[in-house]
Amino acid sequence: MTRVAMDKVLGYAISGFIAGFGVWILVAGLSSGVPALWACAALLPIAIGLCSAFGNI
């Protein structure tokens, strides 16, 4: 693979990790005492991950 392709793969992997972390917060927060708070908190990393992955299309 070329350097440009590896950079792109790494960028998508990092974006996927950030969005996945937000989904993990959402799923873990749904079983907590205040699920609405955790759902709102999970939206930020999900949005950042998705914007990072698909922002330059």
PDB file of N, CA and C in Angstrom:
ATOM      1  N   MET A   1       0.834  -1.188   0.000  1.00  0.00           N
ATOM      2  CA  MET A   1       0.000   0.000   0.000  1.00  0.00           C
ATOM      3  C   MET A   1       0.875   1.246   0.000  1.00  0.00           C
ATOM      4  N   THR A   2       0.363   2.255  -0.597  1.00  0.00           N
ATOM      5  CA  THR A   2       1.113   3.501  -0.612  1.00  0.00           C
ATOM      6  C   THR A   2       0.903   4.260   0.688  1.00  0.00           C
ATOM      7  N   ARG A   3       1.712   5.255   0.875  1.00  0.00           N
ATOM      8  CA  ARG A   3       1.640   6.066   2.097  1.00  0.00           C
ATOM      9  C   ARG A   3       0.305   6.793   2.199  1.00  0.00           C
ATOM     10  N   VAL A   4      -0.214   7.288   1.078  1.00  0.00           N
ATOM     11  CA  VAL A   4      -1.486   8.013   1.084  1.00  0.00           C
ATOM     12  C   VAL A   4      -2.626   7.080   1.476  1.00  0.00           C
ATOM     13  N   ALA A   5      -2.602   5.875   0.967  1.00  0.00           N
ATOM     14  CA  ALA A   5      -3.650   4.909   1.295  1.00  0.00           C
ATOM     15  C   ALA A   5      -3.585   4.520   2.770  1.00  0.00           C
ATOM     16  N   MET A   6      -2.385   4.353   3.289  1.00  0.00           N
ATOM     17  CA  MET A   6      -2.236   4.001   4.707  1.00  0.00           C
ATOM     18  C   MET A   6      -2.723   5.137   5.600  1.00  0.00           C
ATOM     19  N   ASP A   7      -2.440   6.373   5.214  1.00  0.00           N
ATOM     20  CA  ASP A   7      -2.924   7.514   5.992  1.00  0.00           C
ATOM     21  C   ASP A   7      -4.444   7.568   5.997  1.00  0.00           C
ATOM     22  N   LYS A   8      -5.041   7.253   4.854  1.00  0.00           N
ATOM     23  CA  LYS A   8      -6.498   7.266   4.756  1.00  0.00           C
ATOM     24  C   LYS A   8      -7.110   6.157   5.614  1.00  0.00           C
ATOM     25  N   VAL A   9      -6.511   4.978   5.580  1.00  0.00           N
ATOM     26  CA  VAL A   9      -6.999   3.862   6.391  1.00  0.00           C
ATOM     27  C   VAL A   9      -6.868   4.196   7.877  1.00  0.00           C
ATOM     28  N   LEU A  10      -5.757   4.774   8.267  1.00  0.00           N
ATOM     29  CA  LEU A  10      -5.560   5.148   9.658  1.00  0.00           C
ATOM     30  C   LEU A  10      -6.562   6.221  10.089  1.00  0.00           C
ATOM     31  N   GLY A  11      -6.818   7.171   9.219  1.00  0.00           N
ATOM     32  CA  GLY A  11      -7.802   8.219   9.520  1.00  0.00           C
ATOM     33  C   GLY A  11      -9.199   7.651   9.719  1.00  0.00           C
ATOM     34  N   TYR A  12      -9.597   6.730   8.850  1.00  0.00           N
ATOM     35  CA  TYR A  12     -10.913   6.109   9.008  1.00  0.00           C
ATOM     36  C   TYR A  12     -10.971   5.232  10.255  1.00  0.00           C
ATOM     37  N   ALA A  13      -9.871   4.584  10.588  1.00  0.00           N
ATOM     38  CA  ALA A  13      -9.843   3.743  11.795  1.00  0.00           C
ATOM     39  C   ALA A  13      -9.995   4.600  13.052  1.00  0.00           C
ATOM     40  N   ILE A  14      -9.327   5.727  13.094  1.00  0.00           N
ATOM     41  CA  ILE A  14      -9.443   6.617  14.248  1.00  0.00           C
ATOM     42  C   ILE A  14     -10.860   7.176  14.343  1.00  0.00           C
ATOM     43  N   SER A  15     -11.427   7.575  13.217  1.00  0.00           N
ATOM     44  CA  SER A  15     -12.796   8.080  13.213  1.00  0.00           C
ATOM     45  C   SER A  15     -13.777   7.005  13.667  1.00  0.00           C
ATOM     46  N   GLY A  16     -13.571   5.791  13.204  1.00  0.00           N
ATOM     47  CA  GLY A  16     -14.426   4.685  13.626  1.00  0.00           C
ATOM     48  C   GLY A  16     -14.300   4.395  15.109  1.00  0.00           C
ATOM     49  N   PHE A  17     -13.091   4.508  15.642  1.00  0.00           N
ATOM     50  CA  PHE A  17     -12.887   4.302  17.081  1.00  0.00           C
ATOM     51  C   PHE A  17     -13.616   5.367  17.883  1.00  0.00           C
ATOM     52  N   ILE A  18     -13.553   6.620  17.454  1.00  0.00           N
ATOM     53  CA  ILE A  18     -14.226   7.706  18.171  1.00  0.00           C
ATOM     54  C   ILE A  18     -15.735   7.498  18.145  1.00  0.00           C
ATOM     55  N   ALA A  19     -16.295   7.180  16.973  1.00  0.00           N
ATOM     56  CA  ALA A  19     -17.731   6.939  16.877  1.00  0.00           C
ATOM     57  C   ALA A  19     -18.122   5.698  17.677  1.00  0.00           C
ATOM     58  N   GLY A  20     -17.309   4.662  17.633  1.00  0.00           N
ATOM     59  CA  GLY A  20     -17.584   3.452  18.408  1.00  0.00           C
ATOM     60  C   GLY A  20     -17.553   3.712  19.905  1.00  0.00           C
ATOM     61  N   PHE A  21     -16.658   4.572  20.340  1.00  0.00           N
ATOM     62  CA  PHE A  21     -16.607   4.945  21.749  1.00  0.00           C
ATOM     63  C   PHE A  21     -17.904   5.644  22.153  1.00  0.00           C
ATOM     64  N   GLY A  22     -18.426   6.497  21.276  1.00  0.00           N
ATOM     65  CA  GLY A  22     -19.697   7.160  21.557  1.00  0.00           C
ATOM     66  C   GLY A  22     -20.846   6.173  21.635  1.00  0.00           C
ATOM     67  N   VAL A  23     -20.844   5.187  20.764  1.00  0.00           N
ATOM     68  CA  VAL A  23     -21.886   4.150  20.806  1.00  0.00           C
ATOM     69  C   VAL A  23     -21.760   3.351  22.091  1.00  0.00           C
ATOM     70  N   TRP A  24     -20.529   3.072  22.515  1.00  0.00           N
ATOM     71  CA  TRP A  24     -20.317   2.349  23.774  1.00  0.00           C
ATOM     72  C   TRP A  24     -20.866   3.146  24.959  1.00  0.00           C
ATOM     73  N   ILE A  25     -20.630   4.462  24.961  1.00  0.00           N
ATOM     74  CA  ILE A  25     -21.181   5.312  26.018  1.00  0.00           C
ATOM     75  C   ILE A  25     -22.700   5.255  25.992  1.00  0.00           C
ATOM     76  N   LEU A  26     -23.285   5.291  24.806  1.00  0.00           N
ATOM     77  CA  LEU A  26     -24.742   5.241  24.670  1.00  0.00           C
ATOM     78  C   LEU A  26     -25.299   3.942  25.225  1.00  0.00           C
ATOM     79  N   VAL A  27     -24.727   2.832  24.840  1.00  0.00           N
ATOM     80  CA  VAL A  27     -25.215   1.524  25.285  1.00  0.00           C
ATOM     81  C   VAL A  27     -25.020   1.361  26.788  1.00  0.00           C
ATOM     82  N   ALA A  28     -23.858   1.740  27.301  1.00  0.00           N
ATOM     83  CA  ALA A  28     -23.605   1.618  28.738  1.00  0.00           C
ATOM     84  C   ALA A  28     -24.483   2.579  29.530  1.00  0.00           C
ATOM     85  N   GLY A  29     -24.745   3.737  28.989  1.00  0.00           N
ATOM     86  CA  GLY A  29     -25.552   4.729  29.692  1.00  0.00           C
ATOM     87  C   GLY A  29     -27.025   4.388  29.754  1.00  0.00           C
ATOM     88  N   LEU A  30     -27.508   3.593  28.814  1.00  0.00           N
ATOM     89  CA  LEU A  30     -28.921   3.239  28.828  1.00  0.00           C
ATOM     90  C   LEU A  30     -29.297   2.399  30.033  1.00  0.00           C
ATOM     91  N   SER A  31     -28.336   1.706  30.606  1.00  0.00           N
ATOM     92  CA  SER A  31     -28.627   0.891  31.779  1.00  0.00           C
ATOM     93  C   SER A  31     -28.314   1.625  33.083  1.00  0.00           C
ATOM     94  N   SER A  32     -27.962   2.898  33.013  1.00  0.00           N
ATOM     95  CA  SER A  32     -27.620   3.647  34.215  1.00  0.00           C
ATOM     96  C   SER A  32     -28.869   4.305  34.798  1.00  0.00           C
ATOM     97  N   GLY A  33     -28.666   5.051  35.840  1.00  0.00           N
ATOM     98  CA  GLY A  33     -29.777   5.715  36.518  1.00  0.00           C
ATOM     99  C   GLY A  33     -30.350   6.889  35.729  1.00  0.00           C
ATOM    100  N   VAL A  34     -29.525   7.570  34.962  1.00  0.00           N
ATOM    101  CA  VAL A  34     -29.979   8.718  34.166  1.00  0.00           C
ATOM    102  C   VAL A  34     -29.608   8.498  32.700  1.00  0.00           C
ATOM    103  N   PRO A  35     -30.375   7.682  31.979  1.00  0.00           N
ATOM    104  CA  PRO A  35     -29.988   7.366  30.600  1.00  0.00           C
ATOM    105  C   PRO A  35     -30.053   8.564  29.650  1.00  0.00           C
ATOM    106  N   ALA A  36     -30.922   9.529  29.920  1.00  0.00           N
ATOM    107  CA  ALA A  36     -31.011  10.688  29.027  1.00  0.00           C
ATOM    108  C   ALA A  36     -29.724  11.506  29.058  1.00  0.00           C
ATOM    109  N   LEU A  37     -29.122  11.630  30.232  1.00  0.00           N
ATOM    110  CA  LEU A  37     -27.860  12.359  30.352  1.00  0.00           C
ATOM    111  C   LEU A  37     -26.759  11.678  29.550  1.00  0.00           C
ATOM    112  N   TRP A  38     -26.648  10.368  29.671  1.00  0.00           N
ATOM    113  CA  TRP A  38     -25.607   9.633  28.956  1.00  0.00           C
ATOM    114  C   TRP A  38     -25.882   9.589  27.457  1.00  0.00           C
ATOM    115  N   ALA A  39     -27.149   9.559  27.070  1.00  0.00           N
ATOM    116  CA  ALA A  39     -27.467   9.597  25.639  1.00  0.00           C
ATOM    117  C   ALA A  39     -27.032  10.926  25.032  1.00  0.00           C
ATOM    118  N   CYS A  40     -27.262  12.014  25.764  1.00  0.00           N
ATOM    119  CA  CYS A  40     -26.820  13.325  25.281  1.00  0.00           C
ATOM    120  C   CYS A  40     -25.297  13.410  25.252  1.00  0.00           C
ATOM    121  N   ALA A  41     -24.643  12.842  26.260  1.00  0.00           N
ATOM    122  CA  ALA A  41     -23.185  12.865  26.302  1.00  0.00           C
ATOM    123  C   ALA A  41     -22.587  12.023  25.179  1.00  0.00           C
ATOM    124  N   ALA A  42     -23.279  10.968  24.766  1.00  0.00           N
ATOM    125  CA  ALA A  42     -22.769  10.091  23.715  1.00  0.00           C
ATOM    126  C   ALA A  42     -22.883  10.710  22.333  1.00  0.00           C
ATOM    127  N   LEU A  43     -23.766  11.672  22.168  1.00  0.00           N
ATOM    128  CA  LEU A  43     -23.950  12.281  20.850  1.00  0.00           C
ATOM    129  C   LEU A  43     -22.714  13.029  20.371  1.00  0.00           C
ATOM    130  N   LEU A  44     -21.970  13.607  21.290  1.00  0.00           N
ATOM    131  CA  LEU A  44     -20.782  14.381  20.903  1.00  0.00           C
ATOM    132  C   LEU A  44     -19.705  13.524  20.240  1.00  0.00           C
ATOM    133  N   PRO A  45     -19.237  12.435  20.851  1.00  0.00           N
ATOM    134  CA  PRO A  45     -18.212  11.642  20.152  1.00  0.00           C
ATOM    135  C   PRO A  45     -18.744  10.952  18.905  1.00  0.00           C
ATOM    136  N   ILE A  46     -20.022  10.589  18.888  1.00  0.00           N
ATOM    137  CA  ILE A  46     -20.592   9.989  17.679  1.00  0.00           C
ATOM    138  C   ILE A  46     -20.569  11.003  16.544  1.00  0.00           C
ATOM    139  N   ALA A  47     -20.999  12.223  16.828  1.00  0.00           N
ATOM    140  CA  ALA A  47     -21.004  13.266  15.800  1.00  0.00           C
ATOM    141  C   ALA A  47     -19.591  13.609  15.330  1.00  0.00           C
ATOM    142  N   ILE A  48     -18.651  13.700  16.257  1.00  0.00           N
ATOM    143  CA  ILE A  48     -17.265  14.010  15.882  1.00  0.00           C
ATOM    144  C   ILE A  48     -16.683  12.902  15.017  1.00  0.00           C
ATOM    145  N   GLY A  49     -16.931  11.653  15.395  1.00  0.00           N
ATOM    146  CA  GLY A  49     -16.415  10.534  14.608  1.00  0.00           C
ATOM    147  C   GLY A  49     -16.993  10.488  13.213  1.00  0.00           C
ATOM    148  N   LEU A  50     -18.304  10.713  13.095  1.00  0.00           N
ATOM    149  CA  LEU A  50     -18.931  10.679  11.773  1.00  0.00           C
ATOM    150  C   LEU A  50     -18.503  11.855  10.908  1.00  0.00           C
ATOM    151  N   CYS A  51     -18.416  13.039  11.506  1.00  0.00           N
ATOM    152  CA  CYS A  51     -17.949  14.205  10.745  1.00  0.00           C
ATOM    153  C   CYS A  51     -16.502  14.047  10.315  1.00  0.00           C
ATOM    154  N   SER A  52     -15.715  13.445  11.159  1.00  0.00           N
ATOM    155  CA  SER A  52     -14.308  13.210  10.822  1.00  0.00           C
ATOM    156  C   SER A  52     -14.178  12.204   9.685  1.00  0.00           C
ATOM    157  N   ALA A  53     -15.010  11.187   9.704  1.00  0.00           N
ATOM    158  CA  ALA A  53     -14.909  10.147   8.679  1.00  0.00           C
ATOM    159  C   ALA A  53     -15.469  10.606   7.336  1.00  0.00           C
ATOM    160  N   PHE A  54     -16.575  11.324   7.355  1.00  0.00           N
ATOM    161  CA  PHE A  54     -17.254  11.644   6.109  1.00  0.00           C
ATOM    162  C   PHE A  54     -17.274  13.131   5.789  1.00  0.00           C
ATOM    163  N   GLY A  55     -16.460  13.903   6.462  1.00  0.00           N
ATOM    164  CA  GLY A  55     -16.472  15.342   6.274  1.00  0.00           C
ATOM    165  C   GLY A  55     -15.891  15.825   4.960  1.00  0.00           C
ATOM    166  N   ASN A  56     -14.971  15.092   4.373  1.00  0.00           N
ATOM    167  CA  ASN A  56     -14.287  15.554   3.157  1.00  0.00           C
ATOM    168  C   ASN A  56     -14.724  14.800   1.912  1.00  0.00           C
ATOM    169  N   ILE A  57     -15.943  14.348   1.889  1.00  0.00           N
ATOM    170  CA  ILE A  57     -16.407  13.627   0.694  1.00  0.00           C
ATOM    171  C   ILE A  57     -16.781  14.611  -0.383  1.00  0.00           C
TER     172      ILE A  57
END
